[in-house]
Amino acid sequence: MSNNQESQIATDGLRYKSKEGGSPFKDSANMSSISCYKCGVHKPRALGVFKMMINQRMFMCGDCMPPKSE
């Protein structure tokens, strides 16, 4: 990581000229993705389950779910 760019704050208060505005989760208005409480990664709702934790529903992705014991 040898990308040492110096940034300066302009008179209008902006620092970056090439950076896009907005959220990286552009589709979050309809809640199609949600972050896992265990790993923190945003995943689609269809790829996980909600667990009750201390009287609150928490989303857990399929990668963090323990394997089912038979």
PDB file of N, CA and C in Angstrom:
ATOM      1  N   MET A   1       0.831  -1.167   0.000  1.00  0.00           N
ATOM      2  CA  MET A   1       0.000   0.000   0.000  1.00  0.00           C
ATOM      3  C   MET A   1       0.882   1.239   0.000  1.00  0.00           C
ATOM      4  N   SER A   2       1.469   1.478  -1.131  1.00  0.00           N
ATOM      5  CA  SER A   2       2.348   2.633  -1.247  1.00  0.00           C
ATOM      6  C   SER A   2       1.655   3.800  -1.928  1.00  0.00           C
ATOM      7  N   ASN A   3       0.351   3.880  -1.836  1.00  0.00           N
ATOM      8  CA  ASN A   3      -0.418   4.952  -2.447  1.00  0.00           C
ATOM      9  C   ASN A   3      -0.544   6.086  -1.435  1.00  0.00           C
ATOM     10  N   ASN A   4       0.449   6.940  -1.393  1.00  0.00           N
ATOM     11  CA  ASN A   4       0.470   8.040  -0.426  1.00  0.00           C
ATOM     12  C   ASN A   4       0.014   9.325  -1.095  1.00  0.00           C
ATOM     13  N   GLN A   5      -1.282   9.516  -1.186  1.00  0.00           N
ATOM     14  CA  GLN A   5      -1.821  10.738  -1.755  1.00  0.00           C
ATOM     15  C   GLN A   5      -2.191  11.671  -0.621  1.00  0.00           C
ATOM     16  N   GLU A   6      -1.797  12.906  -0.773  1.00  0.00           N
ATOM     17  CA  GLU A   6      -2.185  13.897   0.225  1.00  0.00           C
ATOM     18  C   GLU A   6      -3.473  14.553  -0.228  1.00  0.00           C
ATOM     19  N   SER A   7      -4.360  14.759   0.685  1.00  0.00           N
ATOM     20  CA  SER A   7      -5.626  15.401   0.348  1.00  0.00           C
ATOM     21  C   SER A   7      -5.702  16.736   1.064  1.00  0.00           C
ATOM     22  N   GLN A   8      -6.369  17.661   0.433  1.00  0.00           N
ATOM     23  CA  GLN A   8      -6.559  18.979   1.014  1.00  0.00           C
ATOM     24  C   GLN A   8      -8.045  19.283   1.028  1.00  0.00           C
ATOM     25  N   ILE A   9      -8.482  19.940   2.076  1.00  0.00           N
ATOM     26  CA  ILE A   9      -9.879  20.338   2.170  1.00  0.00           C
ATOM     27  C   ILE A   9     -10.048  21.633   1.389  1.00  0.00           C
ATOM     28  N   ALA A  10     -10.977  21.641   0.445  1.00  0.00           N
ATOM     29  CA  ALA A  10     -11.230  22.817  -0.380  1.00  0.00           C
ATOM     30  C   ALA A  10     -11.985  23.865   0.429  1.00  0.00           C
ATOM     31  N   THR A  11     -12.152  25.039  -0.158  1.00  0.00           N
ATOM     32  CA  THR A  11     -12.839  26.120   0.546  1.00  0.00           C
ATOM     33  C   THR A  11     -14.314  25.814   0.761  1.00  0.00           C
ATOM     34  N   ASP A  12     -14.894  24.942  -0.086  1.00  0.00           N
ATOM     35  CA  ASP A  12     -16.304  24.591   0.099  1.00  0.00           C
ATOM     36  C   ASP A  12     -16.492  23.459   1.100  1.00  0.00           C
ATOM     37  N   GLY A  13     -15.412  22.948   1.689  1.00  0.00           N
ATOM     38  CA  GLY A  13     -15.494  21.927   2.713  1.00  0.00           C
ATOM     39  C   GLY A  13     -15.333  20.516   2.209  1.00  0.00           C
ATOM     40  N   LEU A  14     -15.204  20.336   0.884  1.00  0.00           N
ATOM     41  CA  LEU A  14     -15.064  18.998   0.324  1.00  0.00           C
ATOM     42  C   LEU A  14     -13.595  18.611   0.248  1.00  0.00           C
ATOM     43  N   ARG A  15     -13.328  17.337   0.416  1.00  0.00           N
ATOM     44  CA  ARG A  15     -11.965  16.837   0.360  1.00  0.00           C
ATOM     45  C   ARG A  15     -11.704  16.051  -0.916  1.00  0.00           C
ATOM     46  N   TYR A  16     -12.665  15.243  -1.345  1.00  0.00           N
ATOM     47  CA  TYR A  16     -12.462  14.367  -2.489  1.00  0.00           C
ATOM     48  C   TYR A  16     -13.231  14.891  -3.692  1.00  0.00           C
ATOM     49  N   LYS A  17     -12.616  14.835  -4.845  1.00  0.00           N
ATOM     50  CA  LYS A  17     -13.287  15.267  -6.066  1.00  0.00           C
ATOM     51  C   LYS A  17     -13.730  14.078  -6.908  1.00  0.00           C
ATOM     52  N   SER A  18     -13.045  12.937  -6.792  1.00  0.00           N
ATOM     53  CA  SER A  18     -13.374  11.800  -7.641  1.00  0.00           C
ATOM     54  C   SER A  18     -14.224  10.753  -6.926  1.00  0.00           C
ATOM     55  N   LYS A  19     -14.460  10.907  -5.661  1.00  0.00           N
ATOM     56  CA  LYS A  19     -15.224   9.925  -4.902  1.00  0.00           C
ATOM     57  C   LYS A  19     -16.725  10.104  -5.150  1.00  0.00           C
ATOM     58  N   GLU A  20     -17.413   8.986  -5.379  1.00  0.00           N
ATOM     59  CA  GLU A  20     -18.860   9.026  -5.575  1.00  0.00           C
ATOM     60  C   GLU A  20     -19.559   9.311  -4.260  1.00  0.00           C
ATOM     61  N   GLY A  21     -20.630  10.040  -4.332  1.00  0.00           N
ATOM     62  CA  GLY A  21     -21.433  10.283  -3.157  1.00  0.00           C
ATOM     63  C   GLY A  21     -22.409   9.156  -2.912  1.00  0.00           C
ATOM     64  N   GLY A  22     -22.972   9.127  -1.742  1.00  0.00           N
ATOM     65  CA  GLY A  22     -23.981   8.123  -1.439  1.00  0.00           C
ATOM     66  C   GLY A  22     -23.437   6.954  -0.647  1.00  0.00           C
ATOM     67  N   SER A  23     -24.303   6.027  -0.399  1.00  0.00           N
ATOM     68  CA  SER A  23     -23.988   4.862   0.408  1.00  0.00           C
ATOM     69  C   SER A  23     -23.509   3.705  -0.463  1.00  0.00           C
ATOM     70  N   PRO A  24     -22.582   2.873   0.053  1.00  0.00           N
ATOM     71  CA  PRO A  24     -22.214   1.686  -0.708  1.00  0.00           C
ATOM     72  C   PRO A  24     -23.354   0.670  -0.779  1.00  0.00           C
ATOM     73  N   PHE A  25     -24.352   0.823   0.074  1.00  0.00           N
ATOM     74  CA  PHE A  25     -25.520  -0.055   0.082  1.00  0.00           C
ATOM     75  C   PHE A  25     -26.672   0.697  -0.562  1.00  0.00           C
ATOM     76  N   LYS A  26     -26.601   0.885  -1.877  1.00  0.00           N
ATOM     77  CA  LYS A  26     -27.580   1.697  -2.594  1.00  0.00           C
ATOM     78  C   LYS A  26     -28.980   1.104  -2.525  1.00  0.00           C
ATOM     79  N   ASP A  27     -29.082  -0.189  -2.344  1.00  0.00           N
ATOM     80  CA  ASP A  27     -30.382  -0.845  -2.344  1.00  0.00           C
ATOM     81  C   ASP A  27     -30.888  -1.097  -0.925  1.00  0.00           C
ATOM     82  N   SER A  28     -30.375  -0.347   0.054  1.00  0.00           N
ATOM     83  CA  SER A  28     -30.749  -0.624   1.437  1.00  0.00           C
ATOM     84  C   SER A  28     -32.114  -0.064   1.803  1.00  0.00           C
ATOM     85  N   ALA A  29     -32.733   0.718   0.919  1.00  0.00           N
ATOM     86  CA  ALA A  29     -34.048   1.281   1.230  1.00  0.00           C
ATOM     87  C   ALA A  29     -35.100   0.189   1.354  1.00  0.00           C
ATOM     88  N   ASN A  30     -34.960  -0.877   0.585  1.00  0.00           N
ATOM     89  CA  ASN A  30     -35.936  -1.960   0.693  1.00  0.00           C
ATOM     90  C   ASN A  30     -35.422  -3.100   1.563  1.00  0.00           C
ATOM     91  N   MET A  31     -34.300  -2.888   2.223  1.00  0.00           N
ATOM     92  CA  MET A  31     -33.737  -3.845   3.191  1.00  0.00           C
ATOM     93  C   MET A  31     -33.474  -5.208   2.565  1.00  0.00           C
ATOM     94  N   SER A  32     -32.924  -5.236   1.349  1.00  0.00           N
ATOM     95  CA  SER A  32     -32.638  -6.512   0.702  1.00  0.00           C
ATOM     96  C   SER A  32     -31.383  -7.160   1.272  1.00  0.00           C
ATOM     97  N   SER A  33     -30.501  -6.368   1.879  1.00  0.00           N
ATOM     98  CA  SER A  33     -29.334  -6.940   2.537  1.00  0.00           C
ATOM     99  C   SER A  33     -29.297  -6.435   3.973  1.00  0.00           C
ATOM    100  N   ILE A  34     -28.696  -7.228   4.824  1.00  0.00           N
ATOM    101  CA  ILE A  34     -28.645  -6.910   6.247  1.00  0.00           C
ATOM    102  C   ILE A  34     -27.339  -7.477   6.797  1.00  0.00           C
ATOM    103  N   SER A  35     -26.801  -6.847   7.833  1.00  0.00           N
ATOM    104  CA  SER A  35     -25.517  -7.309   8.351  1.00  0.00           C
ATOM    105  C   SER A  35     -25.710  -8.400   9.407  1.00  0.00           C
ATOM    106  N   CYS A  36     -24.832  -9.369   9.366  1.00  0.00           N
ATOM    107  CA  CYS A  36     -24.846 -10.479  10.319  1.00  0.00           C
ATOM    108  C   CYS A  36     -24.332  -9.977  11.667  1.00  0.00           C
ATOM    109  N   TYR A  37     -24.982 -10.366  12.743  1.00  0.00           N
ATOM    110  CA  TYR A  37     -24.548  -9.904  14.057  1.00  0.00           C
ATOM    111  C   TYR A  37     -23.254 -10.575  14.490  1.00  0.00           C
ATOM    112  N   LYS A  38     -22.909 -11.693  13.887  1.00  0.00           N
ATOM    113  CA  LYS A  38     -21.721 -12.430  14.297  1.00  0.00           C
ATOM    114  C   LYS A  38     -20.470 -11.997  13.541  1.00  0.00           C
ATOM    115  N   CYS A  39     -20.560 -11.915  12.194  1.00  0.00           N
ATOM    116  CA  CYS A  39     -19.375 -11.564  11.403  1.00  0.00           C
ATOM    117  C   CYS A  39     -19.418 -10.131  10.888  1.00  0.00           C
ATOM    118  N   GLY A  40     -20.595  -9.490  10.855  1.00  0.00           N
ATOM    119  CA  GLY A  40     -20.715  -8.103  10.443  1.00  0.00           C
ATOM    120  C   GLY A  40     -20.778  -7.878   8.947  1.00  0.00           C
ATOM    121  N   VAL A  41     -20.753  -8.939   8.144  1.00  0.00           N
ATOM    122  CA  VAL A  41     -20.775  -8.815   6.692  1.00  0.00           C
ATOM    123  C   VAL A  41     -22.216  -8.670   6.220  1.00  0.00           C
ATOM    124  N   HIS A  42     -22.456  -7.782   5.240  1.00  0.00           N
ATOM    125  CA  HIS A  42     -23.796  -7.621   4.679  1.00  0.00           C
ATOM    126  C   HIS A  42     -24.085  -8.771   3.727  1.00  0.00           C
ATOM    127  N   LYS A  43     -25.196  -9.442   3.961  1.00  0.00           N
ATOM    128  CA  LYS A  43     -25.632 -10.576   3.138  1.00  0.00           C
ATOM    129  C   LYS A  43     -27.109 -10.384   2.809  1.00  0.00           C
ATOM    130  N   PRO A  44     -27.588 -11.006   1.715  1.00  0.00           N
ATOM    131  CA  PRO A  44     -29.033 -10.961   1.420  1.00  0.00           C
ATOM    132  C   PRO A  44     -29.827 -11.668   2.521  1.00  0.00           C
ATOM    133  N   ARG A  45     -31.018 -11.154   2.775  1.00  0.00           N
ATOM    134  CA  ARG A  45     -31.871 -11.732   3.821  1.00  0.00           C
ATOM    135  C   ARG A  45     -32.177 -13.199   3.565  1.00  0.00           C
ATOM    136  N   ALA A  46     -32.251 -13.589   2.302  1.00  0.00           N
ATOM    137  CA  ALA A  46     -32.602 -14.963   1.952  1.00  0.00           C
ATOM    138  C   ALA A  46     -31.503 -15.949   2.318  1.00  0.00           C
ATOM    139  N   LEU A  47     -30.295 -15.471   2.580  1.00  0.00           N
ATOM    140  CA  LEU A  47     -29.175 -16.367   2.889  1.00  0.00           C
ATOM    141  C   LEU A  47     -28.895 -16.493   4.377  1.00  0.00           C
ATOM    142  N   GLY A  48     -29.877 -16.208   5.201  1.00  0.00           N
ATOM    143  CA  GLY A  48     -29.674 -16.320   6.641  1.00  0.00           C
ATOM    144  C   GLY A  48     -30.973 -16.534   7.381  1.00  0.00           C
ATOM    145  N   VAL A  49     -30.877 -16.518   8.696  1.00  0.00           N
ATOM    146  CA  VAL A  49     -32.051 -16.695   9.556  1.00  0.00           C
ATOM    147  C   VAL A  49     -32.002 -15.657  10.671  1.00  0.00           C
ATOM    148  N   PHE A  50     -33.146 -15.455  11.310  1.00  0.00           N
ATOM    149  CA  PHE A  50     -33.229 -14.573  12.460  1.00  0.00           C
ATOM    150  C   PHE A  50     -33.292 -15.428  13.720  1.00  0.00           C
ATOM    151  N   LYS A  51     -32.458 -15.124  14.683  1.00  0.00           N
ATOM    152  CA  LYS A  51     -32.421 -15.832  15.964  1.00  0.00           C
ATOM    153  C   LYS A  51     -32.861 -14.881  17.066  1.00  0.00           C
ATOM    154  N   MET A  52     -33.532 -15.415  18.079  1.00  0.00           N
ATOM    155  CA  MET A  52     -33.908 -14.608  19.236  1.00  0.00           C
ATOM    156  C   MET A  52     -32.724 -14.542  20.196  1.00  0.00           C
ATOM    157  N   MET A  53     -32.248 -13.354  20.433  1.00  0.00           N
ATOM    158  CA  MET A  53     -31.130 -13.133  21.350  1.00  0.00           C
ATOM    159  C   MET A  53     -31.527 -12.012  22.300  1.00  0.00           C
ATOM    160  N   ILE A  54     -31.715 -12.329  23.567  1.00  0.00           N
ATOM    161  CA  ILE A  54     -32.058 -11.347  24.598  1.00  0.00           C
ATOM    162  C   ILE A  54     -33.272 -10.513  24.174  1.00  0.00           C
ATOM    163  N   ASN A  55     -34.365 -11.212  23.866  1.00  0.00           N
ATOM    164  CA  ASN A  55     -35.643 -10.609  23.477  1.00  0.00           C
ATOM    165  C   ASN A  55     -35.541  -9.710  22.248  1.00  0.00           C
ATOM    166  N   GLN A  56     -34.609 -10.016  21.339  1.00  0.00           N
ATOM    167  CA  GLN A  56     -34.467  -9.246  20.125  1.00  0.00           C
ATOM    168  C   GLN A  56     -34.115 -10.186  18.982  1.00  0.00           C
ATOM    169  N   ARG A  57     -34.748  -9.974  17.834  1.00  0.00           N
ATOM    170  CA  ARG A  57     -34.443 -10.806  16.665  1.00  0.00           C
ATOM    171  C   ARG A  57     -33.151 -10.316  16.027  1.00  0.00           C
ATOM    172  N   MET A  58     -32.173 -11.196  15.873  1.00  0.00           N
ATOM    173  CA  MET A  58     -30.877 -10.850  15.294  1.00  0.00           C
ATOM    174  C   MET A  58     -30.668 -11.704  14.055  1.00  0.00           C
ATOM    175  N   PHE A  59     -30.123 -11.107  12.977  1.00  0.00           N
ATOM    176  CA  PHE A  59     -29.875 -11.816  11.735  1.00  0.00           C
ATOM    177  C   PHE A  59     -28.520 -12.516  11.807  1.00  0.00           C
ATOM    178  N   MET A  60     -28.496 -13.794  11.396  1.00  0.00           N
ATOM    179  CA  MET A  60     -27.251 -14.552  11.319  1.00  0.00           C
ATOM    180  C   MET A  60     -27.169 -15.154   9.922  1.00  0.00           C
ATOM    181  N   CYS A  61     -26.051 -14.904   9.228  1.00  0.00           N
ATOM    182  CA  CYS A  61     -25.903 -15.404   7.859  1.00  0.00           C
ATOM    183  C   CYS A  61     -25.660 -16.912   7.869  1.00  0.00           C
ATOM    184  N   GLY A  62     -25.810 -17.519   6.706  1.00  0.00           N
ATOM    185  CA  GLY A  62     -25.650 -18.963   6.575  1.00  0.00           C
ATOM    186  C   GLY A  62     -24.237 -19.433   6.849  1.00  0.00           C
ATOM    187  N   ASP A  63     -23.228 -18.569   6.627  1.00  0.00           N
ATOM    188  CA  ASP A  63     -21.842 -18.952   6.887  1.00  0.00           C
ATOM    189  C   ASP A  63     -21.543 -19.057   8.379  1.00  0.00           C
ATOM    190  N   CYS A  64     -22.246 -18.302   9.201  1.00  0.00           N
ATOM    191  CA  CYS A  64     -21.995 -18.289  10.646  1.00  0.00           C
ATOM    192  C   CYS A  64     -22.863 -19.274  11.425  1.00  0.00           C
ATOM    193  N   MET A  65     -23.873 -19.845  10.767  1.00  0.00           N
ATOM    194  CA  MET A  65     -24.755 -20.775  11.474  1.00  0.00           C
ATOM    195  C   MET A  65     -24.012 -22.061  11.797  1.00  0.00           C
ATOM    196  N   PRO A  66     -24.203 -22.578  12.996  1.00  0.00           N
ATOM    197  CA  PRO A  66     -23.560 -23.874  13.323  1.00  0.00           C
ATOM    198  C   PRO A  66     -24.199 -24.985  12.518  1.00  0.00           C
ATOM    199  N   PRO A  67     -23.434 -26.021  12.196  1.00  0.00           N
ATOM    200  CA  PRO A  67     -24.023 -27.151  11.450  1.00  0.00           C
ATOM    201  C   PRO A  67     -25.058 -27.874  12.303  1.00  0.00           C
ATOM    202  N   LYS A  68     -26.089 -28.378  11.633  1.00  0.00           N
ATOM    203  CA  LYS A  68     -27.144 -29.089  12.339  1.00  0.00           C
ATOM    204  C   LYS A  68     -26.625 -30.452  12.782  1.00  0.00           C
ATOM    205  N   SER A  69     -26.838 -30.759  14.051  1.00  0.00           N
ATOM    206  CA  SER A  69     -26.440 -32.075  14.543  1.00  0.00           C
ATOM    207  C   SER A  69     -27.665 -33.011  14.474  1.00  0.00           C
ATOM    208  N   GLU A  70     -27.441 -34.177  13.961  1.00  0.00           N
ATOM    209  CA  GLU A  70     -28.556 -35.109  13.782  1.00  0.00           C
ATOM    210  C   GLU A  70     -28.555 -36.187  14.822  1.00  0.00           C
TER     211      GLU A  70
END
